[in-house]
Amino acid sequence: MKHTFEQKVYYSDTDAYGVVWHGSYLRWLEMGRVEYCEDLGLNLIELEKQDIVMPVTNMNIRYKASGRLNDIVVVDTWIRKITPVTVVFEQTIKNKDSGKLFIQAEFEVVAIRNNGSLHRRMPEVLKNAFEKVLSSCPV
């Protein structure tokens, strides 16, 4: 399963040259991961009430090209891998009109408790949602 959303590039997303500022890409990538989780029925506020939060522990971002003011970008998000402790999200950001790839990214996320301690294993609610997605994807 892949989650897709579109975002217009506004002035506040760009630097002085009208090029997308790198922090805007990070914000859109986070939005993609959050919306993906919501599509799986994982409400982050409800998870926090269950003593589960999901911080990023590793990210690898490749900037391929620059988005510009007024572009419409498409953010795609999917799960690449699940381990007993982590989930790895793959993401891309492309220009809607041309399909030009701007960003290729990978984010590793873990489950921790509200006090910051690591869950020794992925909590069942997360594991079940993520494994269901992977098992339904064609190989």
N, C-alpha and C. Protein backbone atom coordinates (compact mmCIF):
# COMPACT_ATOMS: atom_id res chain seq x y z
N MET A 1 0.85 -1.19 0.00
CA MET A 1 0.00 0.00 0.00
C MET A 1 0.89 1.24 0.00
N LYS A 2 0.50 2.17 -0.82
CA LYS A 2 1.24 3.43 -0.91
C LYS A 2 0.28 4.57 -0.59
N HIS A 3 0.76 5.55 0.16
CA HIS A 3 -0.02 6.75 0.43
C HIS A 3 0.53 7.88 -0.42
N THR A 4 -0.37 8.65 -1.02
CA THR A 4 0.03 9.76 -1.88
C THR A 4 -0.74 11.01 -1.49
N PHE A 5 -0.04 12.14 -1.43
CA PHE A 5 -0.74 13.42 -1.29
C PHE A 5 0.00 14.49 -2.08
N GLU A 6 -0.74 15.54 -2.40
CA GLU A 6 -0.19 16.65 -3.18
C GLU A 6 -0.07 17.89 -2.31
N GLN A 7 0.92 18.71 -2.64
CA GLN A 7 1.16 19.94 -1.90
C GLN A 7 1.65 21.01 -2.87
N LYS A 8 1.02 22.18 -2.81
CA LYS A 8 1.50 23.31 -3.60
C LYS A 8 2.68 23.95 -2.86
N VAL A 9 3.67 24.40 -3.61
CA VAL A 9 4.83 25.08 -3.03
C VAL A 9 4.48 26.57 -2.89
N TYR A 10 4.46 27.05 -1.64
CA TYR A 10 4.16 28.44 -1.35
C TYR A 10 5.44 29.23 -1.08
N TYR A 11 5.32 30.56 -1.00
CA TYR A 11 6.48 31.40 -0.69
C TYR A 11 7.16 30.94 0.59
N SER A 12 6.36 30.59 1.59
CA SER A 12 6.94 30.18 2.88
C SER A 12 7.73 28.88 2.80
N ASP A 13 7.59 28.15 1.71
CA ASP A 13 8.32 26.89 1.51
C ASP A 13 9.66 27.10 0.80
N THR A 14 9.92 28.33 0.36
CA THR A 14 11.09 28.57 -0.48
C THR A 14 12.11 29.47 0.19
N ASP A 15 13.29 29.49 -0.41
CA ASP A 15 14.33 30.42 0.06
C ASP A 15 14.24 31.71 -0.76
N ALA A 16 15.22 32.57 -0.64
CA ALA A 16 15.20 33.87 -1.32
C ALA A 16 15.24 33.75 -2.84
N TYR A 17 15.60 32.58 -3.34
CA TYR A 17 15.72 32.38 -4.79
C TYR A 17 14.52 31.68 -5.40
N GLY A 18 13.49 31.43 -4.58
CA GLY A 18 12.29 30.76 -5.09
C GLY A 18 12.44 29.26 -5.21
N VAL A 19 13.50 28.72 -4.60
CA VAL A 19 13.76 27.28 -4.61
C VAL A 19 13.28 26.72 -3.27
N VAL A 20 12.70 25.51 -3.30
CA VAL A 20 12.20 24.91 -2.07
C VAL A 20 13.33 24.76 -1.05
N TRP A 21 13.11 25.28 0.15
CA TRP A 21 14.06 25.17 1.25
C TRP A 21 14.04 23.74 1.75
N HIS A 22 15.20 23.18 2.10
CA HIS A 22 15.30 21.76 2.48
C HIS A 22 14.39 21.37 3.64
N GLY A 23 14.15 22.27 4.56
CA GLY A 23 13.27 21.97 5.69
C GLY A 23 11.82 21.74 5.27
N SER A 24 11.41 22.34 4.16
CA SER A 24 10.05 22.11 3.66
C SER A 24 9.88 20.66 3.22
N TYR A 25 10.91 20.11 2.58
CA TYR A 25 10.84 18.70 2.19
C TYR A 25 10.67 17.81 3.42
N LEU A 26 11.42 18.11 4.48
CA LEU A 26 11.31 17.31 5.70
C LEU A 26 9.90 17.37 6.28
N ARG A 27 9.29 18.56 6.26
CA ARG A 27 7.92 18.71 6.77
C ARG A 27 6.95 17.88 5.93
N TRP A 28 7.08 17.94 4.60
CA TRP A 28 6.18 17.18 3.73
C TRP A 28 6.38 15.68 3.90
N LEU A 29 7.63 15.25 4.10
CA LEU A 29 7.89 13.83 4.33
C LEU A 29 7.24 13.36 5.63
N GLU A 30 7.32 14.18 6.67
CA GLU A 30 6.66 13.82 7.93
C GLU A 30 5.15 13.77 7.74
N MET A 31 4.60 14.72 7.01
CA MET A 31 3.16 14.71 6.75
C MET A 31 2.76 13.41 6.05
N GLY A 32 3.59 12.97 5.11
CA GLY A 32 3.31 11.72 4.40
C GLY A 32 3.30 10.52 5.33
N ARG A 33 4.27 10.45 6.24
CA ARG A 33 4.32 9.32 7.18
C ARG A 33 3.14 9.34 8.15
N VAL A 34 2.79 10.53 8.64
CA VAL A 34 1.67 10.65 9.57
C VAL A 34 0.37 10.25 8.88
N GLU A 35 0.14 10.76 7.67
CA GLU A 35 -1.10 10.43 6.95
C GLU A 35 -1.15 8.95 6.59
N TYR A 36 0.00 8.37 6.26
CA TYR A 36 0.06 6.94 5.98
C TYR A 36 -0.39 6.15 7.21
N CYS A 37 0.15 6.49 8.36
CA CYS A 37 -0.24 5.82 9.60
C CYS A 37 -1.73 6.00 9.88
N GLU A 38 -2.25 7.20 9.64
CA GLU A 38 -3.68 7.44 9.85
C GLU A 38 -4.51 6.58 8.91
N ASP A 39 -4.06 6.39 7.67
CA ASP A 39 -4.77 5.51 6.73
C ASP A 39 -4.80 4.07 7.23
N LEU A 40 -3.80 3.69 8.02
CA LEU A 40 -3.75 2.34 8.60
C LEU A 40 -4.56 2.24 9.89
N GLY A 41 -5.20 3.34 10.28
CA GLY A 41 -5.99 3.36 11.50
C GLY A 41 -5.18 3.65 12.75
N LEU A 42 -3.96 4.14 12.57
CA LEU A 42 -3.08 4.45 13.69
C LEU A 42 -3.14 5.95 13.98
N ASN A 43 -3.89 6.32 14.99
CA ASN A 43 -4.01 7.72 15.40
C ASN A 43 -2.87 8.02 16.38
N LEU A 44 -1.98 8.93 16.02
CA LEU A 44 -0.79 9.18 16.83
C LEU A 44 -1.11 9.69 18.24
N ILE A 45 -2.18 10.44 18.38
CA ILE A 45 -2.58 10.93 19.71
C ILE A 45 -3.08 9.76 20.56
N GLU A 46 -3.87 8.88 19.95
CA GLU A 46 -4.35 7.70 20.69
C GLU A 46 -3.19 6.77 21.05
N LEU A 47 -2.23 6.63 20.14
CA LEU A 47 -1.05 5.80 20.44
C LEU A 47 -0.28 6.37 21.63
N GLU A 48 -0.16 7.69 21.68
CA GLU A 48 0.55 8.31 22.80
C GLU A 48 -0.15 8.01 24.12
N LYS A 49 -1.48 7.98 24.09
CA LYS A 49 -2.24 7.62 25.30
C LYS A 49 -1.98 6.18 25.72
N GLN A 50 -1.55 5.34 24.75
CA GLN A 50 -1.21 3.94 25.03
C GLN A 50 0.29 3.78 25.33
N ASP A 51 0.98 4.91 25.53
CA ASP A 51 2.41 4.92 25.86
C ASP A 51 3.27 4.47 24.67
N ILE A 52 2.85 4.87 23.47
CA ILE A 52 3.60 4.54 22.25
C ILE A 52 3.81 5.82 21.44
N VAL A 53 5.06 6.18 21.22
CA VAL A 53 5.40 7.26 20.29
C VAL A 53 6.44 6.72 19.32
N MET A 54 6.51 7.33 18.13
CA MET A 54 7.34 6.78 17.06
C MET A 54 8.31 7.81 16.50
N PRO A 55 9.45 8.00 17.15
CA PRO A 55 10.43 8.95 16.62
C PRO A 55 11.26 8.35 15.48
N VAL A 56 11.76 9.24 14.65
CA VAL A 56 12.71 8.85 13.60
C VAL A 56 14.07 8.65 14.25
N THR A 57 14.72 7.53 13.96
CA THR A 57 16.06 7.27 14.50
C THR A 57 17.14 7.35 13.43
N ASN A 58 16.74 7.28 12.18
CA ASN A 58 17.71 7.38 11.10
C ASN A 58 16.98 7.87 9.85
N MET A 59 17.62 8.76 9.12
CA MET A 59 17.04 9.19 7.85
C MET A 59 18.14 9.35 6.82
N ASN A 60 17.80 9.00 5.60
CA ASN A 60 18.70 9.15 4.48
C ASN A 60 17.91 9.83 3.37
N ILE A 61 18.35 11.02 3.01
CA ILE A 61 17.62 11.81 2.02
C ILE A 61 18.56 12.16 0.88
N ARG A 62 18.10 11.86 -0.32
CA ARG A 62 18.88 12.22 -1.51
C ARG A 62 18.11 13.30 -2.25
N TYR A 63 18.76 14.44 -2.38
CA TYR A 63 18.18 15.56 -3.12
C TYR A 63 18.58 15.39 -4.58
N LYS A 64 17.60 15.18 -5.46
CA LYS A 64 17.87 14.92 -6.87
C LYS A 64 17.70 16.18 -7.72
N ALA A 65 16.76 17.02 -7.35
CA ALA A 65 16.48 18.25 -8.09
C ALA A 65 15.71 19.19 -7.17
N SER A 66 15.58 20.43 -7.58
CA SER A 66 14.93 21.44 -6.74
C SER A 66 13.51 21.73 -7.20
N GLY A 67 12.60 21.75 -6.23
CA GLY A 67 11.26 22.24 -6.49
C GLY A 67 11.29 23.76 -6.47
N ARG A 68 10.28 24.35 -7.06
CA ARG A 68 10.23 25.81 -7.17
C ARG A 68 8.85 26.33 -6.78
N LEU A 69 8.82 27.62 -6.51
CA LEU A 69 7.58 28.30 -6.16
C LEU A 69 6.48 27.95 -7.15
N ASN A 70 5.30 27.63 -6.61
CA ASN A 70 4.08 27.29 -7.35
C ASN A 70 4.06 25.89 -7.95
N ASP A 71 5.14 25.12 -7.82
CA ASP A 71 5.08 23.71 -8.24
C ASP A 71 4.02 23.01 -7.40
N ILE A 72 3.45 21.97 -7.96
CA ILE A 72 2.64 21.03 -7.19
C ILE A 72 3.50 19.79 -7.04
N VAL A 73 3.78 19.41 -5.79
CA VAL A 73 4.60 18.23 -5.55
C VAL A 73 3.71 17.08 -5.08
N VAL A 74 4.14 15.88 -5.40
CA VAL A 74 3.45 14.66 -5.00
C VAL A 74 4.37 13.90 -4.06
N VAL A 75 3.87 13.61 -2.87
CA VAL A 75 4.64 12.88 -1.86
C VAL A 75 4.07 11.46 -1.77
N ASP A 76 4.90 10.47 -2.09
CA ASP A 76 4.51 9.06 -1.98
C ASP A 76 5.22 8.44 -0.79
N THR A 77 4.50 7.64 -0.02
CA THR A 77 5.04 6.99 1.18
C THR A 77 4.61 5.54 1.20
N TRP A 78 5.54 4.64 1.53
CA TRP A 78 5.21 3.23 1.70
C TRP A 78 6.19 2.61 2.69
N ILE A 79 5.84 1.43 3.17
CA ILE A 79 6.71 0.70 4.09
C ILE A 79 7.57 -0.26 3.29
N ARG A 80 8.88 -0.19 3.54
CA ARG A 80 9.81 -1.10 2.86
C ARG A 80 10.12 -2.32 3.70
N LYS A 81 10.24 -2.12 5.02
CA LYS A 81 10.70 -3.23 5.86
C LYS A 81 10.24 -3.04 7.30
N ILE A 82 9.98 -4.17 7.96
CA ILE A 82 9.66 -4.18 9.38
C ILE A 82 10.62 -5.16 10.05
N THR A 83 11.19 -4.74 11.17
CA THR A 83 11.99 -5.65 12.00
C THR A 83 11.28 -5.75 13.35
N PRO A 84 11.76 -6.57 14.26
CA PRO A 84 11.11 -6.63 15.58
C PRO A 84 11.09 -5.30 16.32
N VAL A 85 11.97 -4.36 15.94
CA VAL A 85 12.06 -3.09 16.67
C VAL A 85 11.77 -1.88 15.79
N THR A 86 12.01 -1.96 14.49
CA THR A 86 11.90 -0.79 13.61
C THR A 86 10.94 -1.01 12.45
N VAL A 87 10.53 0.10 11.89
CA VAL A 87 9.83 0.09 10.61
C VAL A 87 10.56 1.09 9.71
N VAL A 88 10.75 0.71 8.45
CA VAL A 88 11.45 1.57 7.50
C VAL A 88 10.46 2.06 6.45
N PHE A 89 10.32 3.38 6.36
CA PHE A 89 9.47 4.01 5.37
C PHE A 89 10.34 4.47 4.20
N GLU A 90 9.86 4.25 2.99
CA GLU A 90 10.47 4.81 1.78
C GLU A 90 9.54 5.93 1.32
N GLN A 91 10.14 7.01 0.82
CA GLN A 91 9.33 8.14 0.36
C GLN A 91 9.99 8.81 -0.84
N THR A 92 9.15 9.36 -1.70
CA THR A 92 9.64 10.19 -2.80
C THR A 92 8.81 11.46 -2.86
N ILE A 93 9.43 12.51 -3.38
CA ILE A 93 8.72 13.74 -3.70
C ILE A 93 9.03 14.05 -5.16
N LYS A 94 7.97 14.22 -5.95
CA LYS A 94 8.12 14.47 -7.38
C LYS A 94 7.28 15.67 -7.79
N ASN A 95 7.63 16.23 -8.94
CA ASN A 95 6.82 17.27 -9.56
C ASN A 95 5.59 16.61 -10.18
N LYS A 96 4.41 17.11 -9.86
CA LYS A 96 3.18 16.49 -10.36
C LYS A 96 3.10 16.54 -11.88
N ASP A 97 3.45 17.66 -12.47
CA ASP A 97 3.28 17.82 -13.91
C ASP A 97 4.32 17.05 -14.72
N SER A 98 5.57 17.14 -14.33
CA SER A 98 6.64 16.53 -15.12
C SER A 98 7.05 15.15 -14.63
N GLY A 99 6.71 14.82 -13.38
CA GLY A 99 7.16 13.56 -12.80
C GLY A 99 8.61 13.58 -12.36
N LYS A 100 9.25 14.74 -12.47
CA LYS A 100 10.66 14.86 -12.10
C LYS A 100 10.84 14.56 -10.62
N LEU A 101 11.81 13.71 -10.30
CA LEU A 101 12.10 13.32 -8.93
C LEU A 101 12.91 14.40 -8.23
N PHE A 102 12.38 14.92 -7.12
CA PHE A 102 13.09 15.90 -6.32
C PHE A 102 13.82 15.24 -5.15
N ILE A 103 13.12 14.34 -4.47
CA ILE A 103 13.63 13.75 -3.23
C ILE A 103 13.38 12.24 -3.23
N GLN A 104 14.39 11.51 -2.79
CA GLN A 104 14.26 10.08 -2.51
C GLN A 104 14.72 9.90 -1.07
N ALA A 105 13.88 9.31 -0.22
CA ALA A 105 14.19 9.28 1.21
C ALA A 105 13.83 7.94 1.85
N GLU A 106 14.55 7.66 2.92
CA GLU A 106 14.28 6.48 3.74
C GLU A 106 14.34 6.92 5.20
N PHE A 107 13.33 6.53 5.96
CA PHE A 107 13.25 6.88 7.38
C PHE A 107 13.07 5.61 8.20
N GLU A 108 13.90 5.46 9.22
CA GLU A 108 13.77 4.36 10.17
C GLU A 108 13.12 4.91 11.43
N VAL A 109 12.08 4.23 11.88
CA VAL A 109 11.29 4.68 13.03
C VAL A 109 11.24 3.56 14.06
N VAL A 110 11.31 3.91 15.33
CA VAL A 110 11.17 2.94 16.42
C VAL A 110 9.98 3.32 17.28
N ALA A 111 9.58 2.40 18.14
CA ALA A 111 8.52 2.69 19.10
C ALA A 111 9.16 2.87 20.47
N ILE A 112 8.86 4.01 21.10
CA ILE A 112 9.34 4.25 22.46
C ILE A 112 8.15 4.56 23.37
N ARG A 113 8.43 4.54 24.65
CA ARG A 113 7.42 4.93 25.64
C ARG A 113 7.47 6.45 25.81
N ASN A 114 6.46 6.99 26.43
CA ASN A 114 6.42 8.44 26.67
C ASN A 114 7.60 8.92 27.50
N ASN A 115 8.18 8.05 28.33
CA ASN A 115 9.33 8.45 29.15
C ASN A 115 10.65 8.35 28.38
N GLY A 116 10.59 7.91 27.12
CA GLY A 116 11.78 7.84 26.29
C GLY A 116 12.42 6.47 26.20
N SER A 117 11.96 5.51 26.99
CA SER A 117 12.56 4.17 26.93
C SER A 117 12.03 3.40 25.73
N LEU A 118 12.89 2.59 25.16
CA LEU A 118 12.57 1.83 23.95
C LEU A 118 11.70 0.63 24.29
N HIS A 119 10.65 0.41 23.47
CA HIS A 119 9.91 -0.84 23.56
C HIS A 119 10.84 -1.93 23.03
N ARG A 120 10.97 -3.04 23.75
CA ARG A 120 11.89 -4.11 23.32
C ARG A 120 11.42 -4.77 22.03
N ARG A 121 10.16 -4.73 21.78
CA ARG A 121 9.58 -5.24 20.54
C ARG A 121 8.54 -4.22 20.07
N MET A 122 8.31 -4.24 18.77
CA MET A 122 7.28 -3.37 18.20
C MET A 122 5.95 -3.71 18.88
N PRO A 123 5.25 -2.72 19.45
CA PRO A 123 3.95 -2.99 20.06
C PRO A 123 2.99 -3.65 19.06
N GLU A 124 2.17 -4.55 19.56
CA GLU A 124 1.28 -5.34 18.70
C GLU A 124 0.42 -4.49 17.78
N VAL A 125 -0.11 -3.38 18.30
CA VAL A 125 -0.98 -2.53 17.47
C VAL A 125 -0.23 -2.03 16.24
N LEU A 126 1.05 -1.67 16.38
CA LEU A 126 1.85 -1.23 15.24
C LEU A 126 2.24 -2.40 14.36
N LYS A 127 2.75 -3.45 14.99
CA LYS A 127 3.20 -4.63 14.25
C LYS A 127 2.08 -5.18 13.37
N ASN A 128 0.89 -5.31 13.93
CA ASN A 128 -0.24 -5.85 13.17
C ASN A 128 -0.61 -4.97 11.98
N ALA A 129 -0.65 -3.65 12.20
CA ALA A 129 -0.99 -2.73 11.10
C ALA A 129 0.06 -2.76 10.01
N PHE A 130 1.34 -2.71 10.39
CA PHE A 130 2.41 -2.68 9.40
C PHE A 130 2.55 -4.01 8.66
N GLU A 131 2.44 -5.13 9.38
CA GLU A 131 2.56 -6.44 8.73
C GLU A 131 1.41 -6.71 7.79
N LYS A 132 0.22 -6.23 8.14
CA LYS A 132 -0.94 -6.40 7.26
C LYS A 132 -0.69 -5.72 5.92
N VAL A 133 -0.10 -4.53 5.96
CA VAL A 133 0.20 -3.80 4.73
C VAL A 133 1.23 -4.56 3.90
N LEU A 134 2.30 -5.01 4.53
CA LEU A 134 3.35 -5.72 3.80
C LEU A 134 2.84 -7.03 3.21
N SER A 135 1.99 -7.74 3.94
CA SER A 135 1.49 -9.02 3.44
C SER A 135 0.53 -8.85 2.28
N SER A 136 -0.10 -7.68 2.17
CA SER A 136 -1.04 -7.44 1.07
C SER A 136 -0.38 -6.89 -0.18
N CYS A 137 0.92 -6.55 -0.08
CA CYS A 137 1.65 -6.00 -1.22
C CYS A 137 2.19 -7.13 -2.08
N PRO A 138 2.03 -7.01 -3.41
CA PRO A 138 2.62 -8.02 -4.29
C PRO A 138 4.14 -7.96 -4.23
N VAL A 139 4.77 -9.11 -4.31
CA VAL A 139 6.23 -9.18 -4.24
C VAL A 139 6.85 -8.86 -5.57
